[in-house]
Amino acid sequence: MSVPPLVEAFYSRIWNAGDESAVGDLLTGDFAFRGSLGISTRGHHEFLEYVRSVRASLSNYYCAILSCVAEGLQACARMEFGGVHEAPLRGFAPTGKAVEWEGAALFTFRDGKIAALWVLGDLASLDERLRQNAVAYAAGTAGPTGGNI
């Protein structure tokens, strides 16, 4: 697996480290984004609002590149996303429990930066985990991801 440096930096700097200053280094000004949670943005400001909202809902948020294929000006990565559910997410109240889901990310590059990213997340599995955690939390029992915090 050969992960393009831009893809690695996008996830490690912006998402995993929360380094908002990396946006200007890595993304074109007209960056078009569709995230794994189904939200679409254009430009740096809208994208950063999305990043902040996800990282606020999920503490210890991470993105892991499971595999990646790149050719020319595009790359496609199989991804894992996850974190600890600390604020409302997809209509579910926070439980303090870990959640994770997988997705596929299609990158388009232009002028040495990421111009577009389209991510399709497995929202059915995420919603099911959120539902399981909510039921376990309400019952005061350990759910599929551990005990209450």
Protein backbone atom coordinates (compact mmCIF):
# COMPACT_ATOMS: atom_id res chain seq x y z
CA MET A 1 0.00 0.00 0.00
CA SER A 2 1.45 3.33 -1.05
CA VAL A 3 -0.39 6.23 0.59
CA PRO A 4 0.18 9.58 -1.14
CA PRO A 5 1.78 12.11 1.24
CA LEU A 6 -1.19 14.48 0.85
CA VAL A 7 -3.64 11.78 1.96
CA GLU A 8 -1.47 10.82 4.95
CA ALA A 9 -1.03 14.47 5.97
CA PHE A 10 -4.75 15.23 5.53
CA TYR A 11 -5.73 12.59 8.06
CA SER A 12 -2.76 12.82 10.43
CA ARG A 13 -2.60 16.61 10.65
CA ILE A 14 -6.15 17.88 10.20
CA TRP A 15 -8.26 15.07 11.62
CA ASN A 16 -6.07 13.15 14.05
CA ALA A 17 -4.04 16.07 15.44
CA GLY A 18 -6.68 18.78 14.97
CA ASP A 19 -4.14 21.06 13.25
CA GLU A 20 -6.39 23.63 11.55
CA SER A 21 -3.38 25.49 10.12
CA ALA A 22 -2.75 22.48 7.84
CA VAL A 23 -5.87 23.30 5.81
CA GLY A 24 -4.12 26.02 3.81
CA ASP A 25 -1.10 23.80 3.22
CA LEU A 26 -3.06 20.77 2.00
CA LEU A 27 -6.34 21.95 0.42
CA THR A 28 -7.16 24.16 -2.55
CA GLY A 29 -9.15 27.30 -1.76
CA ASP A 30 -12.24 25.88 -3.47
CA PHE A 31 -11.90 22.46 -1.79
CA ALA A 32 -15.10 20.43 -2.31
CA PHE A 33 -15.84 17.97 0.48
CA ARG A 34 -18.49 15.38 1.22
CA GLY A 35 -17.84 13.76 4.60
CA SER A 36 -18.49 10.26 5.89
CA LEU A 37 -21.48 11.57 7.86
CA GLY A 38 -23.13 12.85 4.66
CA ILE A 39 -22.41 16.59 5.04
CA SER A 40 -21.09 18.55 2.04
CA THR A 41 -18.93 21.68 2.27
CA ARG A 42 -17.01 23.98 -0.06
CA GLY A 43 -13.94 26.01 0.86
CA HIS A 44 -11.79 26.12 3.94
CA HIS A 45 -14.24 27.85 6.31
CA GLU A 46 -17.13 25.41 5.79
CA PHE A 47 -14.78 22.44 5.95
CA LEU A 48 -13.25 23.60 9.24
CA GLU A 49 -16.74 24.04 10.72
CA TYR A 50 -17.42 20.40 9.86
CA VAL A 51 -14.10 19.24 11.33
CA ARG A 52 -14.82 21.13 14.56
CA SER A 53 -18.33 19.68 14.84
CA VAL A 54 -17.13 16.09 14.39
CA ARG A 55 -14.23 16.51 16.82
CA ALA A 56 -16.59 18.13 19.37
CA SER A 57 -19.04 15.21 19.15
CA LEU A 58 -16.32 12.54 19.24
CA SER A 59 -13.39 13.04 21.59
CA ASN A 60 -10.21 11.16 20.75
CA TYR A 61 -11.45 11.23 17.15
CA TYR A 62 -9.25 9.34 14.74
CA CYS A 63 -9.06 8.36 11.10
CA ALA A 64 -7.07 5.27 10.14
CA ILE A 65 -6.08 4.47 6.57
CA LEU A 66 -6.69 0.73 6.15
CA SER A 67 -5.66 0.59 2.49
CA CYS A 68 -5.06 3.02 -0.34
CA VAL A 69 -4.71 2.93 -4.11
CA ALA A 70 -3.46 5.95 -6.05
CA GLU A 71 -3.13 6.68 -9.73
CA GLY A 72 -2.50 9.98 -11.43
CA LEU A 73 -4.47 12.78 -9.82
CA GLN A 74 -6.72 10.54 -7.72
CA ALA A 75 -6.49 8.22 -4.74
CA CYS A 76 -9.01 5.97 -3.04
CA ALA A 77 -8.66 4.87 0.58
CA ARG A 78 -10.54 2.40 2.76
CA MET A 79 -10.91 4.12 6.10
CA GLU A 80 -11.83 3.55 9.72
CA PHE A 81 -13.20 6.46 11.76
CA GLY A 82 -13.87 6.50 15.49
CA GLY A 83 -13.95 8.30 18.79
CA VAL A 84 -15.72 8.60 22.12
CA HIS A 85 -19.29 9.90 21.85
CA GLU A 86 -19.23 13.07 24.01
CA ALA A 87 -21.88 15.33 22.38
CA PRO A 88 -25.03 14.79 20.27
CA LEU A 89 -24.33 12.93 17.03
CA ARG A 90 -26.82 11.88 14.33
CA GLY A 91 -29.73 12.41 16.71
CA PHE A 92 -28.22 10.35 19.54
CA ALA A 93 -27.42 11.81 22.96
CA PRO A 94 -23.84 11.34 24.17
CA THR A 95 -23.02 8.14 26.04
CA GLY A 96 -19.29 8.43 26.68
CA LYS A 97 -18.83 5.18 24.76
CA ALA A 98 -16.54 4.49 21.82
CA VAL A 99 -17.95 4.24 18.31
CA GLU A 100 -16.31 3.39 15.02
CA TRP A 101 -17.34 2.98 11.42
CA GLU A 102 -15.69 2.38 8.08
CA GLY A 103 -15.82 4.32 4.86
CA ALA A 104 -14.31 4.86 1.44
CA ALA A 105 -12.61 8.13 0.50
CA LEU A 106 -12.00 9.32 -3.07
CA PHE A 107 -9.43 12.13 -3.35
CA THR A 108 -8.83 14.40 -6.35
CA PHE A 109 -5.58 16.40 -6.49
CA ARG A 110 -4.82 19.66 -8.31
CA ASP A 111 -1.77 21.92 -8.20
CA GLY A 112 -0.10 19.85 -5.48
CA LYS A 113 -3.08 20.02 -3.12
CA ILE A 114 -6.32 18.17 -2.43
CA ALA A 115 -9.05 19.75 -4.58
CA ALA A 116 -11.93 17.42 -3.73
CA LEU A 117 -12.74 14.59 -1.37
CA TRP A 118 -15.85 12.44 -1.47
CA VAL A 119 -16.29 10.06 1.47
CA LEU A 120 -18.99 7.44 1.81
CA GLY A 121 -19.36 6.22 5.39
CA ASP A 122 -21.10 3.06 6.58
CA LEU A 123 -23.75 5.05 8.43
CA ALA A 124 -25.97 2.00 9.01
CA SER A 125 -23.28 0.40 11.19
CA LEU A 126 -22.54 3.72 12.93
CA ASP A 127 -26.22 4.28 13.70
CA GLU A 128 -26.56 0.71 14.98
CA ARG A 129 -23.58 1.18 17.31
CA LEU A 130 -24.97 4.52 18.52
CA ARG A 131 -28.34 2.82 19.14
CA GLN A 132 -26.74 -0.09 21.04
CA ASN A 133 -24.69 2.30 23.14
CA ALA A 134 -27.75 4.45 23.93
CA VAL A 135 -29.74 1.42 25.09
CA ALA A 136 -26.86 0.15 27.24
CA TYR A 137 -26.25 3.62 28.65
CA ALA A 138 -29.93 4.09 29.55
CA ALA A 139 -29.97 0.66 31.22
CA GLY A 140 -26.76 1.45 33.10
CA THR A 141 -24.99 -1.56 31.65
CA ALA A 142 -21.82 -2.00 29.69
CA GLY A 143 -22.64 -1.99 26.02
CA PRO A 144 -20.67 -3.44 23.14
CA THR A 145 -17.93 -0.86 23.67
CA GLY A 146 -17.47 -0.93 27.43
CA GLY A 147 -18.93 0.57 30.58
CA ASN A 148 -20.41 3.98 31.24
CA ILE A 149 -18.08 6.88 31.83
